[in-house]
PDB file of N, CA and C in Angstrom:
ATOM      1  N   UNK A   1       0.837  -1.238   0.025  1.00  0.00           N
ATOM      2  CA  UNK A   1      -0.108  -0.015  -0.124  1.00  0.00           C
ATOM      3  C   UNK A   1       0.985   1.241  -0.002  1.00  0.00           C
ATOM      4  N   UNK A   2       0.525   2.123  -0.824  1.00  0.00           N
ATOM      5  CA  UNK A   2       1.392   3.433  -0.940  1.00  0.00           C
ATOM      6  C   UNK A   2       1.148   4.419   0.169  1.00  0.00           C
ATOM      7  N   UNK A   3       2.030   5.092   0.650  1.00  0.00           N
ATOM      8  CA  UNK A   3       1.876   6.062   1.564  1.00  0.00           C
ATOM      9  C   UNK A   3       1.378   7.355   0.919  1.00  0.00           C
ATOM     10  N   UNK A   4       0.473   7.937   1.632  1.00  0.00           N
ATOM     11  CA  UNK A   4      -0.032   9.352   1.145  1.00  0.00           C
ATOM     12  C   UNK A   4       0.936  10.496   1.327  1.00  0.00           C
ATOM     13  N   UNK A   5       1.098  11.155   0.278  1.00  0.00           N
ATOM     14  CA  UNK A   5       2.061  12.320   0.370  1.00  0.00           C
ATOM     15  C   UNK A   5       1.360  13.587   0.896  1.00  0.00           C
ATOM     16  N   UNK A   6       2.026  14.588   1.447  1.00  0.00           N
ATOM     17  CA  UNK A   6       1.482  15.734   1.776  1.00  0.00           C
ATOM     18  C   UNK A   6       0.785  16.585   0.763  1.00  0.00           C
ATOM     19  N   UNK A   7       1.302  16.329  -0.460  1.00  0.00           N
ATOM     20  CA  UNK A   7       0.658  17.141  -1.615  1.00  0.00           C
ATOM     21  C   UNK A   7      -0.822  16.824  -1.835  1.00  0.00           C
ATOM     22  N   UNK A   8      -1.163  15.494  -1.494  1.00  0.00           N
ATOM     23  CA  UNK A   8      -2.462  14.903  -1.817  1.00  0.00           C
ATOM     24  C   UNK A   8      -3.427  15.083  -0.537  1.00  0.00           C
ATOM     25  N   UNK A   9      -2.903  15.551   0.579  1.00  0.00           N
ATOM     26  CA  UNK A   9      -3.686  15.622   1.787  1.00  0.00           C
ATOM     27  C   UNK A   9      -4.252  17.020   1.973  1.00  0.00           C
ATOM     28  N   UNK A  10      -5.412  16.955   2.662  1.00  0.00           N
ATOM     29  CA  UNK A  10      -5.933  18.271   3.009  1.00  0.00           C
ATOM     30  C   UNK A  10      -5.747  18.759   4.454  1.00  0.00           C
ATOM     31  N   UNK A  11      -5.402  17.732   5.283  1.00  0.00           N
ATOM     32  CA  UNK A  11      -5.036  17.979   6.603  1.00  0.00           C
ATOM     33  C   UNK A  11      -3.673  17.327   6.997  1.00  0.00           C
ATOM     34  N   UNK A  12      -2.766  18.233   7.598  1.00  0.00           N
ATOM     35  CA  UNK A  12      -1.456  17.663   7.864  1.00  0.00           C
ATOM     36  C   UNK A  12      -1.156  17.647   9.235  1.00  0.00           C
ATOM     37  N   UNK A  13      -0.195  16.884   9.830  1.00  0.00           N
ATOM     38  CA  UNK A  13       0.354  16.977  11.195  1.00  0.00           C
ATOM     39  C   UNK A  13       1.501  18.074  10.994  1.00  0.00           C
ATOM     40  N   UNK A  14       1.932  18.353  12.313  1.00  0.00           N
ATOM     41  CA  UNK A  14       2.906  19.509  12.265  1.00  0.00           C
ATOM     42  C   UNK A  14       4.232  19.214  11.571  1.00  0.00           C
ATOM     43  N   UNK A  15       4.667  18.009  11.648  1.00  0.00           N
ATOM     44  CA  UNK A  15       5.948  17.645  11.024  1.00  0.00           C
ATOM     45  C   UNK A  15       5.846  17.774   9.474  1.00  0.00           C
ATOM     46  N   UNK A  16       4.589  17.251   9.044  1.00  0.00           N
ATOM     47  CA  UNK A  16       4.441  17.322   7.493  1.00  0.00           C
ATOM     48  C   UNK A  16       4.312  18.624   7.085  1.00  0.00           C
ATOM     49  N   UNK A  17       3.599  19.569   7.903  1.00  0.00           N
ATOM     50  CA  UNK A  17       3.422  20.984   7.536  1.00  0.00           C
ATOM     51  C   UNK A  17       4.777  21.676   7.488  1.00  0.00           C
ATOM     52  N   UNK A  18       5.594  21.399   8.359  1.00  0.00           N
ATOM     53  CA  UNK A  18       7.019  22.050   8.341  1.00  0.00           C
ATOM     54  C   UNK A  18       7.801  21.597   7.070  1.00  0.00           C
ATOM     55  N   UNK A  19       7.665  20.374   6.678  1.00  0.00           N
ATOM     56  CA  UNK A  19       8.631  19.953   5.588  1.00  0.00           C
ATOM     57  C   UNK A  19       7.894  20.354   4.234  1.00  0.00           C
ATOM     58  N   UNK A  20       6.534  20.382   4.238  1.00  0.00           N
ATOM     59  CA  UNK A  20       5.872  20.695   2.879  1.00  0.00           C
ATOM     60  C   UNK A  20       5.980  22.144   2.572  1.00  0.00           C
ATOM     61  N   UNK A  21       5.907  22.994   3.690  1.00  0.00           N
ATOM     62  CA  UNK A  21       5.988  24.494   3.289  1.00  0.00           C
ATOM     63  C   UNK A  21       7.453  25.061   3.553  1.00  0.00           C
ATOM     64  N   UNK A  22       8.380  24.288   4.088  1.00  0.00           N
ATOM     65  CA  UNK A  22       9.680  24.773   4.263  1.00  0.00           C
ATOM     66  C   UNK A  22       9.824  25.778   5.439  1.00  0.00           C
ATOM     67  N   UNK A  23       9.214  25.438   6.534  1.00  0.00           N
ATOM     68  CA  UNK A  23       8.993  26.271   7.662  1.00  0.00           C
ATOM     69  C   UNK A  23      10.187  26.301   8.616  1.00  0.00           C
ATOM     70  N   UNK A  24      10.346  27.402   9.457  1.00  0.00           N
ATOM     71  CA  UNK A  24      11.297  27.229  10.589  1.00  0.00           C
ATOM     72  C   UNK A  24      10.549  26.474  11.634  1.00  0.00           C
ATOM     73  N   UNK A  25      11.169  25.327  12.221  1.00  0.00           N
ATOM     74  CA  UNK A  25      10.569  24.532  12.943  1.00  0.00           C
ATOM     75  C   UNK A  25      10.282  25.364  14.355  1.00  0.00           C
ATOM     76  N   UNK A  26      11.185  26.133  14.910  1.00  0.00           N
ATOM     77  CA  UNK A  26      11.113  26.893  16.120  1.00  0.00           C
ATOM     78  C   UNK A  26       9.893  27.896  16.063  1.00  0.00           C
ATOM     79  N   UNK A  27       9.802  28.568  14.819  1.00  0.00           N
ATOM     80  CA  UNK A  27       8.730  29.613  14.743  1.00  0.00           C
ATOM     81  C   UNK A  27       7.447  28.966  14.628  1.00  0.00           C
ATOM     82  N   UNK A  28       7.316  27.725  13.891  1.00  0.00           N
ATOM     83  CA  UNK A  28       6.094  26.983  13.735  1.00  0.00           C
ATOM     84  C   UNK A  28       5.561  26.533  15.087  1.00  0.00           C
ATOM     85  N   UNK A  29       6.383  25.859  15.754  1.00  0.00           N
ATOM     86  CA  UNK A  29       5.877  25.434  17.188  1.00  0.00           C
ATOM     87  C   UNK A  29       5.530  26.400  18.011  1.00  0.00           C
ATOM     88  N   UNK A  30       6.248  27.557  17.886  1.00  0.00           N
ATOM     89  CA  UNK A  30       5.959  28.744  18.740  1.00  0.00           C
ATOM     90  C   UNK A  30       4.503  29.238  18.316  1.00  0.00           C
ATOM     91  N   UNK A  31       4.186  29.303  17.120  1.00  0.00           N
ATOM     92  CA  UNK A  31       2.822  29.666  16.538  1.00  0.00           C
ATOM     93  C   UNK A  31       1.880  28.645  17.175  1.00  0.00           C
ATOM     94  N   UNK A  32       2.039  27.364  17.108  1.00  0.00           N
ATOM     95  CA  UNK A  32       1.161  26.321  17.666  1.00  0.00           C
ATOM     96  C   UNK A  32       0.846  26.449  19.084  1.00  0.00           C
ATOM     97  N   UNK A  33       1.970  26.981  19.891  1.00  0.00           N
ATOM     98  CA  UNK A  33       1.632  27.078  21.343  1.00  0.00           C
ATOM     99  C   UNK A  33       1.049  28.350  21.828  1.00  0.00           C
ATOM    100  N   UNK A  34       0.740  29.350  20.819  1.00  0.00           N
ATOM    101  CA  UNK A  34       0.034  30.490  21.245  1.00  0.00           C
ATOM    102  C   UNK A  34      -1.312  30.211  21.754  1.00  0.00           C
ATOM    103  N   UNK A  35      -1.783  31.009  22.663  1.00  0.00           N
ATOM    104  CA  UNK A  35      -3.069  30.974  23.283  1.00  0.00           C
ATOM    105  C   UNK A  35      -4.100  31.425  22.209  1.00  0.00           C
ATOM    106  N   UNK A  36      -3.832  32.121  21.250  1.00  0.00           N
ATOM    107  CA  UNK A  36      -4.623  32.730  20.309  1.00  0.00           C
ATOM    108  C   UNK A  36      -5.262  31.430  19.411  1.00  0.00           C
ATOM    109  N   UNK A  37      -6.412  31.509  19.098  1.00  0.00           N
ATOM    110  CA  UNK A  37      -7.050  30.414  18.181  1.00  0.00           C
ATOM    111  C   UNK A  37      -6.820  30.871  16.775  1.00  0.00           C
ATOM    112  N   UNK A  38      -6.330  29.958  15.903  1.00  0.00           N
ATOM    113  CA  UNK A  38      -6.208  30.018  14.585  1.00  0.00           C
ATOM    114  C   UNK A  38      -7.262  29.192  13.924  1.00  0.00           C
ATOM    115  N   UNK A  39      -7.766  29.710  12.813  1.00  0.00           N
ATOM    116  CA  UNK A  39      -8.774  28.809  12.120  1.00  0.00           C
ATOM    117  C   UNK A  39      -8.204  27.749  11.318  1.00  0.00           C
ATOM    118  N   UNK A  40      -6.957  27.635  11.115  1.00  0.00           N
ATOM    119  CA  UNK A  40      -6.273  26.457  10.331  1.00  0.00           C
ATOM    120  C   UNK A  40      -5.913  25.343  11.245  1.00  0.00           C
ATOM    121  N   UNK A  41      -6.004  25.474  12.594  1.00  0.00           N
ATOM    122  CA  UNK A  41      -5.597  24.455  13.594  1.00  0.00           C
ATOM    123  C   UNK A  41      -6.879  23.716  14.015  1.00  0.00           C
ATOM    124  N   UNK A  42      -6.840  22.437  13.897  1.00  0.00           N
ATOM    125  CA  UNK A  42      -7.963  21.512  14.438  1.00  0.00           C
ATOM    126  C   UNK A  42      -7.372  20.649  15.401  1.00  0.00           C
ATOM    127  N   UNK A  43      -8.181  20.294  16.503  1.00  0.00           N
ATOM    128  CA  UNK A  43      -7.896  19.334  17.380  1.00  0.00           C
ATOM    129  C   UNK A  43      -8.427  17.947  17.095  1.00  0.00           C
ATOM    130  N   UNK A  44      -7.660  16.943  17.170  1.00  0.00           N
ATOM    131  CA  UNK A  44      -8.063  15.582  17.167  1.00  0.00           C
ATOM    132  C   UNK A  44      -7.618  14.956  18.417  1.00  0.00           C
ATOM    133  N   UNK A  45      -8.439  14.873  19.491  1.00  0.00           N
ATOM    134  CA  UNK A  45      -8.042  14.454  20.831  1.00  0.00           C
ATOM    135  C   UNK A  45      -7.095  15.510  21.235  1.00  0.00           C
ATOM    136  N   UNK A  46      -5.879  15.105  21.632  1.00  0.00           N
ATOM    137  CA  UNK A  46      -4.932  16.113  22.122  1.00  0.00           C
ATOM    138  C   UNK A  46      -3.929  16.549  20.963  1.00  0.00           C
ATOM    139  N   UNK A  47      -4.134  16.063  19.759  1.00  0.00           N
ATOM    140  CA  UNK A  47      -3.426  16.326  18.817  1.00  0.00           C
ATOM    141  C   UNK A  47      -3.762  17.519  17.983  1.00  0.00           C
ATOM    142  N   UNK A  48      -2.720  18.434  17.450  1.00  0.00           N
ATOM    143  CA  UNK A  48      -3.172  19.453  16.669  1.00  0.00           C
ATOM    144  C   UNK A  48      -2.786  19.297  15.232  1.00  0.00           C
ATOM    145  N   UNK A  49      -3.801  19.363  14.346  1.00  0.00           N
ATOM    146  CA  UNK A  49      -3.591  19.048  13.076  1.00  0.00           C
ATOM    147  C   UNK A  49      -3.765  20.434  12.187  1.00  0.00           C
ATOM    148  N   UNK A  50      -3.292  20.463  10.986  1.00  0.00           N
ATOM    149  CA  UNK A  50      -3.262  21.758  10.252  1.00  0.00           C
ATOM    150  C   UNK A  50      -4.052  21.514   8.991  1.00  0.00           C
ATOM    151  N   UNK A  51      -5.120  22.505   8.752  1.00  0.00           N
ATOM    152  CA  UNK A  51      -5.781  22.382   7.486  1.00  0.00           C
ATOM    153  C   UNK A  51      -4.897  23.217   6.567  1.00  0.00           C
ATOM    154  N   UNK A  52      -4.516  22.455   5.450  1.00  0.00           N
ATOM    155  CA  UNK A  52      -3.548  22.954   4.530  1.00  0.00           C
ATOM    156  C   UNK A  52      -4.038  24.152   3.701  1.00  0.00           C
ATOM    157  N   UNK A  53      -5.305  24.181   3.389  1.00  0.00           N
ATOM    158  CA  UNK A  53      -5.765  25.479   2.493  1.00  0.00           C
ATOM    159  C   UNK A  53      -5.759  26.786   3.536  1.00  0.00           C
ATOM    160  N   UNK A  54      -6.203  26.499   4.664  1.00  0.00           N
ATOM    161  CA  UNK A  54      -6.342  27.644   5.602  1.00  0.00           C
ATOM    162  C   UNK A  54      -5.027  28.208   5.972  1.00  0.00           C
ATOM    163  N   UNK A  55      -3.950  27.100   6.067  1.00  0.00           N
ATOM    164  CA  UNK A  55      -2.641  27.588   6.485  1.00  0.00           C
ATOM    165  C   UNK A  55      -1.997  28.284   5.387  1.00  0.00           C
ATOM    166  N   UNK A  56      -2.205  27.921   4.127  1.00  0.00           N
ATOM    167  CA  UNK A  56      -1.620  28.694   2.965  1.00  0.00           C
ATOM    168  C   UNK A  56      -2.034  30.116   2.897  1.00  0.00           C
ATOM    169  N   UNK A  57      -3.271  30.344   3.327  1.00  0.00           N
ATOM    170  CA  UNK A  57      -3.798  31.681   3.261  1.00  0.00           C
ATOM    171  C   UNK A  57      -3.062  32.459   4.385  1.00  0.00           C
ATOM    172  N   UNK A  58      -2.807  31.923   5.509  1.00  0.00           N
ATOM    173  CA  UNK A  58      -2.191  32.436   6.714  1.00  0.00           C
ATOM    174  C   UNK A  58      -0.670  32.696   6.317  1.00  0.00           C
ATOM    175  N   UNK A  59      -0.047  31.758   5.787  1.00  0.00           N
ATOM    176  CA  UNK A  59       1.266  31.847   5.322  1.00  0.00           C
ATOM    177  C   UNK A  59       1.509  32.927   4.280  1.00  0.00           C
ATOM    178  N   UNK A  60       0.642  33.190   3.525  1.00  0.00           N
ATOM    179  CA  UNK A  60       0.782  34.299   2.471  1.00  0.00           C
ATOM    180  C   UNK A  60       0.789  35.586   3.278  1.00  0.00           C
ATOM    181  N   UNK A  61       0.061  35.704   4.251  1.00  0.00           N
ATOM    182  CA  UNK A  61      -0.040  37.052   5.076  1.00  0.00           C
ATOM    183  C   UNK A  61       1.156  37.147   6.017  1.00  0.00           C
ATOM    184  N   UNK A  62       1.871  36.010   6.410  1.00  0.00           N
ATOM    185  CA  UNK A  62       2.869  35.884   7.370  1.00  0.00           C
ATOM    186  C   UNK A  62       4.109  35.100   6.896  1.00  0.00           C
ATOM    187  N   UNK A  63       4.835  35.596   5.885  1.00  0.00           N
ATOM    188  CA  UNK A  63       5.878  34.938   5.265  1.00  0.00           C
ATOM    189  C   UNK A  63       7.069  34.720   6.196  1.00  0.00           C
ATOM    190  N   UNK A  64       7.156  35.377   7.289  1.00  0.00           N
ATOM    191  CA  UNK A  64       8.268  35.265   8.337  1.00  0.00           C
ATOM    192  C   UNK A  64       8.444  33.845   8.863  1.00  0.00           C
ATOM    193  N   UNK A  65       7.442  33.065   8.615  1.00  0.00           N
ATOM    194  CA  UNK A  65       7.501  31.630   9.218  1.00  0.00           C
ATOM    195  C   UNK A  65       8.391  30.757   8.386  1.00  0.00           C
ATOM    196  N   UNK A  66       8.574  31.179   7.118  1.00  0.00           N
ATOM    197  CA  UNK A  66       9.498  30.352   6.180  1.00  0.00           C
ATOM    198  C   UNK A  66      11.010  30.511   6.775  1.00  0.00           C
ATOM    199  N   UNK A  67      11.661  29.363   6.362  1.00  0.00           N
ATOM    200  CA  UNK A  67      13.175  29.289   6.785  1.00  0.00           C
ATOM    201  C   UNK A  67      13.927  30.451   5.909  1.00  0.00           C
ATOM    202  N   UNK A  68      14.823  31.068   6.530  1.00  0.00           N
ATOM    203  CA  UNK A  68      15.730  32.003   5.951  1.00  0.00           C
ATOM    204  C   UNK A  68      16.719  31.142   4.971  1.00  0.00           C
ATOM    205  N   UNK A  69      16.980  31.662   3.695  1.00  0.00           N
ATOM    206  CA  UNK A  69      17.683  30.995   2.816  1.00  0.00           C
ATOM    207  C   UNK A  69      18.991  31.620   2.464  1.00  0.00           C
TER     208      UNK A  69
END
């Protein structure tokens, strides 16, 4: 059975999100730990999952999360 790639998923876990979007791990986990609620974060039990389409919109407005090159 083939593994699903992040490109074909609508919801990603934090590790997949960091790798798929090329984000700074430190800045992204800081964002997840904020008390502020973001519309692209959903909870599944105690796990935080990321809605890819919503996060893409957020990332367009906040490009500072990307790794410096």
